[in-house]
């Protein structure tokens, strides 16, 4: 079993002071809630050397100290996309020490860092970021009722034949040449473009789109093709209710007009 943390200097001083007063080692251990062997070793060391300091730690020291770990952390944060092999070659040149890949991998964990698969996000340059900022600033004071009139749409491409398989596969060491463990790839896989929309009133249906998609093609397709007209009906559900109420009022007025001549004839 490994050794625990060393006894602090204040507690060592108390043991020596009580020993100099003539208190027995068993009573010192009982009063300070320590083992008798610990008290005996501290007193014996004080007799031999006259000091109470902790003996220098033994065993193999770590190759990278705290200063090296801070430098490694700065390098990993600066070059986030670097592989462990590239970081290892840099560390060997920078620290002038023989380091393995496993050592650097453990050191990265000690720096409270970990290797993850990066998320896929569209790249935005400075001009695109500025446009997004100006658009958000222009629509900052929009009310909830105004946002409900907006129709949100988006498109996505799906590979039909092979699909998008992940980079990782669960297999044994001997199954490396098994066809089911390959990451399949073709030069130009068959794909399908799908377009859909949603608003505050509900979601629209998905539609297969042929060709390229932009704002003009969406508006042209929604006006000319009768299939896409049903999409925009989700924004007009509230208006239909108002029209029904108006029709009921008109029917009531017509009934009153018919009753009037009958009442006059009876008189």
C-alpha atoms as a PDB file:
ATOM      1  CA  UNK A   1       0.000   0.000   0.000  1.00  0.00           C
ATOM      2  CA  UNK A   2       1.363   3.453  -0.908  1.00  0.00           C
ATOM      3  CA  UNK A   3       2.298   6.112   1.582  1.00  0.00           C
ATOM      4  CA  UNK A   4      -0.131   8.876   2.420  1.00  0.00           C
ATOM      5  CA  UNK A   5       0.517  12.600   2.630  1.00  0.00           C
ATOM      6  CA  UNK A   6       3.345  13.661   5.006  1.00  0.00           C
ATOM      7  CA  UNK A   7       2.648  15.015   8.507  1.00  0.00           C
ATOM      8  CA  UNK A   8       2.493  18.845   8.424  1.00  0.00           C
ATOM      9  CA  UNK A   9       5.311  20.847  10.128  1.00  0.00           C
ATOM     10  CA  UNK A  10       2.988  22.310  12.836  1.00  0.00           C
ATOM     11  CA  UNK A  11       1.989  18.827  14.006  1.00  0.00           C
ATOM     12  CA  UNK A  12       5.618  17.661  13.986  1.00  0.00           C
ATOM     13  CA  UNK A  13       6.552  20.609  16.173  1.00  0.00           C
ATOM     14  CA  UNK A  14       3.847  19.671  18.705  1.00  0.00           C
ATOM     15  CA  UNK A  15       5.145  16.070  18.876  1.00  0.00           C
ATOM     16  CA  UNK A  16       8.701  17.257  19.564  1.00  0.00           C
ATOM     17  CA  UNK A  17       7.561  19.831  22.173  1.00  0.00           C
ATOM     18  CA  UNK A  18       5.582  17.197  24.103  1.00  0.00           C
ATOM     19  CA  UNK A  19       8.528  14.775  23.869  1.00  0.00           C
ATOM     20  CA  UNK A  20      10.866  17.415  25.327  1.00  0.00           C
ATOM     21  CA  UNK A  21       8.413  17.939  28.222  1.00  0.00           C
ATOM     22  CA  UNK A  22       8.696  14.236  29.106  1.00  0.00           C
ATOM     23  CA  UNK A  23       5.358  12.965  27.745  1.00  0.00           C
ATOM     24  CA  UNK A  24       5.436   9.327  26.608  1.00  0.00           C
ATOM     25  CA  UNK A  25       5.101   8.441  22.931  1.00  0.00           C
ATOM     26  CA  UNK A  26       1.884   6.477  23.532  1.00  0.00           C
ATOM     27  CA  UNK A  27       0.193   9.497  25.196  1.00  0.00           C
ATOM     28  CA  UNK A  28       1.394  11.830  22.403  1.00  0.00           C
ATOM     29  CA  UNK A  29      -0.079   9.494  19.778  1.00  0.00           C
ATOM     30  CA  UNK A  30      -3.383   9.248  21.674  1.00  0.00           C
ATOM     31  CA  UNK A  31      -3.734  13.024  22.225  1.00  0.00           C
ATOM     32  CA  UNK A  32      -2.890  13.947  18.608  1.00  0.00           C
ATOM     33  CA  UNK A  33      -4.826  10.968  17.122  1.00  0.00           C
ATOM     34  CA  UNK A  34      -1.798   9.507  15.346  1.00  0.00           C
ATOM     35  CA  UNK A  35      -0.297   6.040  15.173  1.00  0.00           C
ATOM     36  CA  UNK A  36       2.470   5.225  17.636  1.00  0.00           C
ATOM     37  CA  UNK A  37       4.848   4.258  14.806  1.00  0.00           C
ATOM     38  CA  UNK A  38       4.463   7.722  13.207  1.00  0.00           C
ATOM     39  CA  UNK A  39       5.258   9.461  16.496  1.00  0.00           C
ATOM     40  CA  UNK A  40       8.217   7.122  17.058  1.00  0.00           C
ATOM     41  CA  UNK A  41       9.708   7.832  13.598  1.00  0.00           C
ATOM     42  CA  UNK A  42       9.434  11.628  14.029  1.00  0.00           C
ATOM     43  CA  UNK A  43      11.051  11.536  17.483  1.00  0.00           C
ATOM     44  CA  UNK A  44      13.815   9.191  16.293  1.00  0.00           C
ATOM     45  CA  UNK A  45      14.628  11.485  13.373  1.00  0.00           C
ATOM     46  CA  UNK A  46      14.775  14.452  15.754  1.00  0.00           C
ATOM     47  CA  UNK A  47      17.223  12.550  17.976  1.00  0.00           C
ATOM     48  CA  UNK A  48      19.515  11.631  15.082  1.00  0.00           C
ATOM     49  CA  UNK A  49      19.567  14.824  12.988  1.00  0.00           C
ATOM     50  CA  UNK A  50      17.925  17.433  15.218  1.00  0.00           C
ATOM     51  CA  UNK A  51      15.521  18.494  12.421  1.00  0.00           C
ATOM     52  CA  UNK A  52      11.787  18.039  11.907  1.00  0.00           C
ATOM     53  CA  UNK A  53      11.644  18.599   8.140  1.00  0.00           C
ATOM     54  CA  UNK A  54      10.069  16.047   5.799  1.00  0.00           C
ATOM     55  CA  UNK A  55      12.458  13.751   3.992  1.00  0.00           C
ATOM     56  CA  UNK A  56      12.808  14.351   0.275  1.00  0.00           C
ATOM     57  CA  UNK A  57      10.330  12.310  -1.759  1.00  0.00           C
ATOM     58  CA  UNK A  58      11.556   9.100  -3.365  1.00  0.00           C
ATOM     59  CA  UNK A  59      10.566   7.323  -6.562  1.00  0.00           C
ATOM     60  CA  UNK A  60      10.568   8.288 -10.218  1.00  0.00           C
ATOM     61  CA  UNK A  61       9.678  11.906 -10.869  1.00  0.00           C
ATOM     62  CA  UNK A  62       7.436  13.015 -13.728  1.00  0.00           C
ATOM     63  CA  UNK A  63       9.207  13.976 -16.934  1.00  0.00           C
ATOM     64  CA  UNK A  64       7.162  17.159 -17.380  1.00  0.00           C
ATOM     65  CA  UNK A  65       6.940  19.502 -14.405  1.00  0.00           C
ATOM     66  CA  UNK A  66       4.266  22.153 -13.755  1.00  0.00           C
ATOM     67  CA  UNK A  67       6.024  24.724 -15.950  1.00  0.00           C
ATOM     68  CA  UNK A  68       6.248  22.277 -18.871  1.00  0.00           C
ATOM     69  CA  UNK A  69       2.562  21.401 -18.507  1.00  0.00           C
ATOM     70  CA  UNK A  70       1.608  25.088 -18.721  1.00  0.00           C
ATOM     71  CA  UNK A  71       3.644  25.444 -21.935  1.00  0.00           C
ATOM     72  CA  UNK A  72       2.024  22.289 -23.335  1.00  0.00           C
ATOM     73  CA  UNK A  73      -1.450  23.612 -22.508  1.00  0.00           C
ATOM     74  CA  UNK A  74      -0.736  26.922 -24.295  1.00  0.00           C
ATOM     75  CA  UNK A  75       0.486  25.045 -27.377  1.00  0.00           C
ATOM     76  CA  UNK A  76      -2.575  22.745 -27.455  1.00  0.00           C
ATOM     77  CA  UNK A  77      -4.981  25.702 -27.178  1.00  0.00           C
ATOM     78  CA  UNK A  78      -3.126  27.614 -29.922  1.00  0.00           C
ATOM     79  CA  UNK A  79      -3.066  24.611 -32.289  1.00  0.00           C
ATOM     80  CA  UNK A  80      -6.354  22.884 -31.500  1.00  0.00           C
ATOM     81  CA  UNK A  81      -6.465  20.801 -34.704  1.00  0.00           C
ATOM     82  CA  UNK A  82      -3.016  19.253 -34.211  1.00  0.00           C
ATOM     83  CA  UNK A  83      -2.761  15.481 -33.727  1.00  0.00           C
ATOM     84  CA  UNK A  84      -1.107  13.842 -30.710  1.00  0.00           C
ATOM     85  CA  UNK A  85       1.804  12.760 -32.925  1.00  0.00           C
ATOM     86  CA  UNK A  86       2.402  16.354 -34.064  1.00  0.00           C
ATOM     87  CA  UNK A  87       2.247  17.604 -30.459  1.00  0.00           C
ATOM     88  CA  UNK A  88       4.736  14.891 -29.426  1.00  0.00           C
ATOM     89  CA  UNK A  89       7.280  15.934 -32.077  1.00  0.00           C
ATOM     90  CA  UNK A  90       6.908  19.574 -31.003  1.00  0.00           C
ATOM     91  CA  UNK A  91       7.327  18.676 -27.308  1.00  0.00           C
ATOM     92  CA  UNK A  92      10.505  16.679 -27.991  1.00  0.00           C
ATOM     93  CA  UNK A  93      12.069  19.652 -29.783  1.00  0.00           C
ATOM     94  CA  UNK A  94      10.813  22.276 -27.315  1.00  0.00           C
ATOM     95  CA  UNK A  95      11.572  20.500 -24.001  1.00  0.00           C
ATOM     96  CA  UNK A  96      14.655  18.611 -25.306  1.00  0.00           C
ATOM     97  CA  UNK A  97      13.429  15.392 -23.669  1.00  0.00           C
ATOM     98  CA  UNK A  98      12.611  11.882 -24.874  1.00  0.00           C
ATOM     99  CA  UNK A  99       8.800  11.741 -24.830  1.00  0.00           C
ATOM    100  CA  UNK A 100       6.394   9.110 -26.152  1.00  0.00           C
ATOM    101  CA  UNK A 101       2.882   9.517 -27.531  1.00  0.00           C
ATOM    102  CA  UNK A 102       1.364   7.926 -24.400  1.00  0.00           C
ATOM    103  CA  UNK A 103       3.268  10.368 -22.164  1.00  0.00           C
ATOM    104  CA  UNK A 104       1.937  13.368 -24.109  1.00  0.00           C
ATOM    105  CA  UNK A 105      -1.576  11.878 -24.104  1.00  0.00           C
ATOM    106  CA  UNK A 106      -1.474  11.595 -20.293  1.00  0.00           C
ATOM    107  CA  UNK A 107       0.028  15.093 -19.995  1.00  0.00           C
ATOM    108  CA  UNK A 108      -2.841  16.550 -22.062  1.00  0.00           C
ATOM    109  CA  UNK A 109      -5.287  14.980 -19.604  1.00  0.00           C
ATOM    110  CA  UNK A 110      -3.357  16.504 -16.687  1.00  0.00           C
ATOM    111  CA  UNK A 111      -3.837  19.889 -18.399  1.00  0.00           C
ATOM    112  CA  UNK A 112      -7.635  19.328 -18.155  1.00  0.00           C
ATOM    113  CA  UNK A 113      -7.915  18.901 -21.911  1.00  0.00           C
ATOM    114  CA  UNK A 114      -9.379  16.043 -23.938  1.00  0.00           C
ATOM    115  CA  UNK A 115      -9.572  14.986 -27.576  1.00  0.00           C
ATOM    116  CA  UNK A 116     -13.052  15.337 -29.117  1.00  0.00           C
ATOM    117  CA  UNK A 117     -14.530  15.080 -32.585  1.00  0.00           C
ATOM    118  CA  UNK A 118     -15.161  18.624 -33.780  1.00  0.00           C
ATOM    119  CA  UNK A 119     -18.674  19.730 -34.751  1.00  0.00           C
ATOM    120  CA  UNK A 120     -19.410  20.496 -38.395  1.00  0.00           C
ATOM    121  CA  UNK A 121     -20.530  24.094 -38.856  1.00  0.00           C
ATOM    122  CA  UNK A 122     -20.681  26.323 -41.966  1.00  0.00           C
ATOM    123  CA  UNK A 123     -17.765  28.714 -42.325  1.00  0.00           C
ATOM    124  CA  UNK A 124     -18.634  32.414 -41.907  1.00  0.00           C
ATOM    125  CA  UNK A 125     -16.236  35.116 -43.070  1.00  0.00           C
ATOM    126  CA  UNK A 126     -16.141  38.705 -41.762  1.00  0.00           C
ATOM    127  CA  UNK A 127     -18.656  40.005 -44.341  1.00  0.00           C
ATOM    128  CA  UNK A 128     -21.180  37.253 -43.556  1.00  0.00           C
ATOM    129  CA  UNK A 129     -20.814  37.808 -39.817  1.00  0.00           C
ATOM    130  CA  UNK A 130     -21.412  41.542 -40.302  1.00  0.00           C
ATOM    131  CA  UNK A 131     -24.557  40.859 -42.348  1.00  0.00           C
ATOM    132  CA  UNK A 132     -25.904  38.571 -39.621  1.00  0.00           C
ATOM    133  CA  UNK A 133     -25.174  41.202 -36.991  1.00  0.00           C
ATOM    134  CA  UNK A 134     -26.885  43.989 -38.962  1.00  0.00           C
ATOM    135  CA  UNK A 135     -29.913  41.759 -39.671  1.00  0.00           C
ATOM    136  CA  UNK A 136     -30.266  40.900 -35.967  1.00  0.00           C
ATOM    137  CA  UNK A 137     -29.885  44.571 -35.023  1.00  0.00           C
ATOM    138  CA  UNK A 138     -32.571  45.632 -37.541  1.00  0.00           C
ATOM    139  CA  UNK A 139     -35.065  43.052 -36.197  1.00  0.00           C
ATOM    140  CA  UNK A 140     -34.289  43.660 -32.531  1.00  0.00           C
ATOM    141  CA  UNK A 141     -37.527  45.575 -31.793  1.00  0.00           C
ATOM    142  CA  UNK A 142     -39.888  43.222 -33.606  1.00  0.00           C
ATOM    143  CA  UNK A 143     -42.948  42.143 -31.634  1.00  0.00           C
ATOM    144  CA  UNK A 144     -44.127  38.563 -31.162  1.00  0.00           C
ATOM    145  CA  UNK A 145     -47.076  39.177 -33.505  1.00  0.00           C
ATOM    146  CA  UNK A 146     -44.715  40.303 -36.248  1.00  0.00           C
ATOM    147  CA  UNK A 147     -42.456  37.274 -35.829  1.00  0.00           C
ATOM    148  CA  UNK A 148     -45.504  35.019 -36.212  1.00  0.00           C
ATOM    149  CA  UNK A 149     -45.945  36.256 -39.791  1.00  0.00           C
ATOM    150  CA  UNK A 150     -42.505  34.936 -40.805  1.00  0.00           C
ATOM    151  CA  UNK A 151     -42.184  31.639 -42.686  1.00  0.00           C
ATOM    152  CA  UNK A 152     -38.915  29.831 -41.915  1.00  0.00           C
ATOM    153  CA  UNK A 153     -37.565  27.477 -44.577  1.00  0.00           C
ATOM    154  CA  UNK A 154     -34.493  25.292 -44.998  1.00  0.00           C
ATOM    155  CA  UNK A 155     -33.137  22.633 -47.318  1.00  0.00           C
ATOM    156  CA  UNK A 156     -30.959  19.561 -46.818  1.00  0.00           C
ATOM    157  CA  UNK A 157     -29.217  16.995 -49.010  1.00  0.00           C
ATOM    158  CA  UNK A 158     -29.453  13.249 -48.317  1.00  0.00           C
ATOM    159  CA  UNK A 159     -27.362  10.506 -49.906  1.00  0.00           C
ATOM    160  CA  UNK A 160     -29.748   7.853 -51.197  1.00  0.00           C
ATOM    161  CA  UNK A 161     -27.620   4.783 -51.979  1.00  0.00           C
ATOM    162  CA  UNK A 162     -24.910   4.611 -49.339  1.00  0.00           C
ATOM    163  CA  UNK A 163     -25.773   7.154 -46.674  1.00  0.00           C
ATOM    164  CA  UNK A 164     -23.305   8.914 -44.393  1.00  0.00           C
ATOM    165  CA  UNK A 165     -21.500   6.300 -42.285  1.00  0.00           C
ATOM    166  CA  UNK A 166     -19.431   7.297 -39.276  1.00  0.00           C
ATOM    167  CA  UNK A 167     -15.660   7.028 -39.004  1.00  0.00           C
ATOM    168  CA  UNK A 168     -15.803   4.590 -36.073  1.00  0.00           C
ATOM    169  CA  UNK A 169     -16.797   0.913 -36.248  1.00  0.00           C
ATOM    170  CA  UNK A 170     -17.077  -1.760 -33.538  1.00  0.00           C
ATOM    171  CA  UNK A 171     -14.962  -4.785 -34.522  1.00  0.00           C
ATOM    172  CA  UNK A 172     -12.214  -7.129 -33.380  1.00  0.00           C
ATOM    173  CA  UNK A 173      -8.586  -6.943 -34.438  1.00  0.00           C
ATOM    174  CA  UNK A 174      -9.091  -9.763 -36.975  1.00  0.00           C
ATOM    175  CA  UNK A 175     -12.148  -8.092 -38.638  1.00  0.00           C
ATOM    176  CA  UNK A 176     -10.171  -5.275 -40.251  1.00  0.00           C
ATOM    177  CA  UNK A 177     -10.699  -6.780 -43.766  1.00  0.00           C
ATOM    178  CA  UNK A 178     -14.381  -7.604 -43.215  1.00  0.00           C
ATOM    179  CA  UNK A 179     -16.509  -5.758 -45.857  1.00  0.00           C
ATOM    180  CA  UNK A 180     -19.108  -4.826 -43.221  1.00  0.00           C
ATOM    181  CA  UNK A 181     -16.400  -2.880 -41.338  1.00  0.00           C
ATOM    182  CA  UNK A 182     -15.372  -0.694 -44.288  1.00  0.00           C
ATOM    183  CA  UNK A 183     -16.230   2.972 -44.612  1.00  0.00           C
ATOM    184  CA  UNK A 184     -17.936   2.950 -47.996  1.00  0.00           C
ATOM    185  CA  UNK A 185     -17.324   5.799 -50.393  1.00  0.00           C
ATOM    186  CA  UNK A 186     -18.153   6.519 -54.040  1.00  0.00           C
ATOM    187  CA  UNK A 187     -17.037   9.276 -56.380  1.00  0.00           C
ATOM    188  CA  UNK A 188     -20.459  10.890 -56.917  1.00  0.00           C
ATOM    189  CA  UNK A 189     -23.166   9.313 -54.721  1.00  0.00           C
ATOM    190  CA  UNK A 190     -26.828   9.736 -55.651  1.00  0.00           C
ATOM    191  CA  UNK A 191     -28.345  12.450 -53.488  1.00  0.00           C
ATOM    192  CA  UNK A 192     -31.765  13.963 -52.915  1.00  0.00           C
ATOM    193  CA  UNK A 193     -32.528  17.599 -52.084  1.00  0.00           C
ATOM    194  CA  UNK A 194     -35.419  18.131 -49.675  1.00  0.00           C
ATOM    195  CA  UNK A 195     -37.039  21.479 -48.807  1.00  0.00           C
ATOM    196  CA  UNK A 196     -39.369  22.268 -45.922  1.00  0.00           C
ATOM    197  CA  UNK A 197     -40.730  25.169 -43.888  1.00  0.00           C
ATOM    198  CA  UNK A 198     -42.423  26.075 -40.621  1.00  0.00           C
ATOM    199  CA  UNK A 199     -44.148  29.033 -38.994  1.00  0.00           C
ATOM    200  CA  UNK A 200     -45.825  29.924 -35.703  1.00  0.00           C
ATOM    201  CA  UNK A 201     -49.003  28.145 -36.885  1.00  0.00           C
ATOM    202  CA  UNK A 202     -47.336  24.804 -37.640  1.00  0.00           C
ATOM    203  CA  UNK A 203     -44.988  22.848 -39.881  1.00  0.00           C
ATOM    204  CA  UNK A 204     -45.208  22.455 -43.624  1.00  0.00           C
ATOM    205  CA  UNK A 205     -44.668  19.202 -45.515  1.00  0.00           C
ATOM    206  CA  UNK A 206     -41.334  18.124 -47.029  1.00  0.00           C
ATOM    207  CA  UNK A 207     -40.930  18.561 -50.789  1.00  0.00           C
ATOM    208  CA  UNK A 208     -38.352  17.025 -53.108  1.00  0.00           C
ATOM    209  CA  UNK A 209     -36.581  19.791 -55.010  1.00  0.00           C
ATOM    210  CA  UNK A 210     -34.871  19.420 -58.368  1.00  0.00           C
ATOM    211  CA  UNK A 211     -31.951  21.660 -59.233  1.00  0.00           C
ATOM    212  CA  UNK A 212     -30.394  24.438 -57.186  1.00  0.00           C
ATOM    213  CA  UNK A 213     -32.280  26.254 -54.430  1.00  0.00           C
ATOM    214  CA  UNK A 214     -32.237  30.011 -53.862  1.00  0.00           C
ATOM    215  CA  UNK A 215     -34.754  32.696 -52.868  1.00  0.00           C
ATOM    216  CA  UNK A 216     -35.959  33.301 -56.444  1.00  0.00           C
ATOM    217  CA  UNK A 217     -36.519  29.603 -57.192  1.00  0.00           C
ATOM    218  CA  UNK A 218     -38.496  29.142 -53.953  1.00  0.00           C
ATOM    219  CA  UNK A 219     -40.819  32.087 -54.728  1.00  0.00           C
ATOM    220  CA  UNK A 220     -41.231  31.013 -58.371  1.00  0.00           C
ATOM    221  CA  UNK A 221     -41.988  27.428 -57.384  1.00  0.00           C
ATOM    222  CA  UNK A 222     -44.509  28.469 -54.743  1.00  0.00           C
ATOM    223  CA  UNK A 223     -46.401  30.714 -57.196  1.00  0.00           C
ATOM    224  CA  UNK A 224     -46.431  28.489 -60.305  1.00  0.00           C
ATOM    225  CA  UNK A 225     -46.640  24.926 -58.942  1.00  0.00           C
ATOM    226  CA  UNK A 226     -49.929  24.013 -57.193  1.00  0.00           C
ATOM    227  CA  UNK A 227     -48.075  21.507 -54.972  1.00  0.00           C
ATOM    228  CA  UNK A 228     -46.255  24.270 -53.120  1.00  0.00           C
ATOM    229  CA  UNK A 229     -49.334  26.441 -52.576  1.00  0.00           C
ATOM    230  CA  UNK A 230     -50.454  24.145 -49.738  1.00  0.00           C
ATOM    231  CA  UNK A 231     -47.307  25.063 -47.829  1.00  0.00           C
ATOM    232  CA  UNK A 232     -48.317  28.674 -47.362  1.00  0.00           C
ATOM    233  CA  UNK A 233     -51.784  27.749 -46.038  1.00  0.00           C
ATOM    234  CA  UNK A 234     -50.283  27.093 -42.601  1.00  0.00           C
ATOM    235  CA  UNK A 235     -49.846  30.841 -42.132  1.00  0.00           C
ATOM    236  CA  UNK A 236     -53.523  31.594 -42.892  1.00  0.00           C
ATOM    237  CA  UNK A 237     -55.325  29.408 -40.364  1.00  0.00           C
ATOM    238  CA  UNK A 238     -56.308  32.333 -38.143  1.00  0.00           C
ATOM    239  CA  UNK A 239     -57.756  34.315 -41.062  1.00  0.00           C
ATOM    240  CA  UNK A 240     -60.172  31.504 -41.969  1.00  0.00           C
ATOM    241  CA  UNK A 241     -61.869  31.686 -38.580  1.00  0.00           C
ATOM    242  CA  UNK A 242     -62.571  35.399 -39.042  1.00  0.00           C
ATOM    243  CA  UNK A 243     -64.189  34.773 -42.427  1.00  0.00           C
ATOM    244  CA  UNK A 244     -66.542  32.163 -40.966  1.00  0.00           C
ATOM    245  CA  UNK A 245     -67.747  34.624 -38.326  1.00  0.00           C
ATOM    246  CA  UNK A 246     -68.547  37.216 -40.990  1.00  0.00           C
ATOM    247  CA  UNK A 247     -70.620  34.709 -42.970  1.00  0.00           C
ATOM    248  CA  UNK A 248     -72.741  33.876 -39.922  1.00  0.00           C
ATOM    249  CA  UNK A 249     -73.544  37.557 -39.359  1.00  0.00           C
ATOM    250  CA  UNK A 250     -74.731  37.948 -42.960  1.00  0.00           C
ATOM    251  CA  UNK A 251     -77.090  34.969 -42.641  1.00  0.00           C
ATOM    252  CA  UNK A 252     -78.717  36.470 -39.519  1.00  0.00           C
ATOM    253  CA  UNK A 253     -79.376  39.755 -41.323  1.00  0.00           C
ATOM    254  CA  UNK A 254     -81.098  37.967 -44.200  1.00  0.00           C
ATOM    255  CA  UNK A 255     -83.450  36.129 -41.837  1.00  0.00           C
ATOM    256  CA  UNK A 256     -84.563  39.411 -40.241  1.00  0.00           C
ATOM    257  CA  UNK A 257     -85.463  40.884 -43.640  1.00  0.00           C
ATOM    258  CA  UNK A 258     -87.713  37.923 -44.428  1.00  0.00           C
ATOM    259  CA  UNK A 259     -89.635  38.228 -41.143  1.00  0.00           C
ATOM    260  CA  UNK A 260     -90.575  41.930 -41.609  1.00  0.00           C
ATOM    261  CA  UNK A 261     -93.059  41.586 -44.533  1.00  0.00           C
ATOM    262  CA  UNK A 262     -94.880  38.703 -42.802  1.00  0.00           C
ATOM    263  CA  UNK A 263     -95.439  40.838 -39.685  1.00  0.00           C
ATOM    264  CA  UNK A 264     -96.911  43.703 -41.792  1.00  0.00           C
ATOM    265  CA  UNK A 265     -99.354  41.413 -43.593  1.00  0.00           C
ATOM    266  CA  UNK A 266    -100.723  40.071 -40.320  1.00  0.00           C
ATOM    267  CA  UNK A 267    -101.631  43.573 -39.197  1.00  0.00           C
END
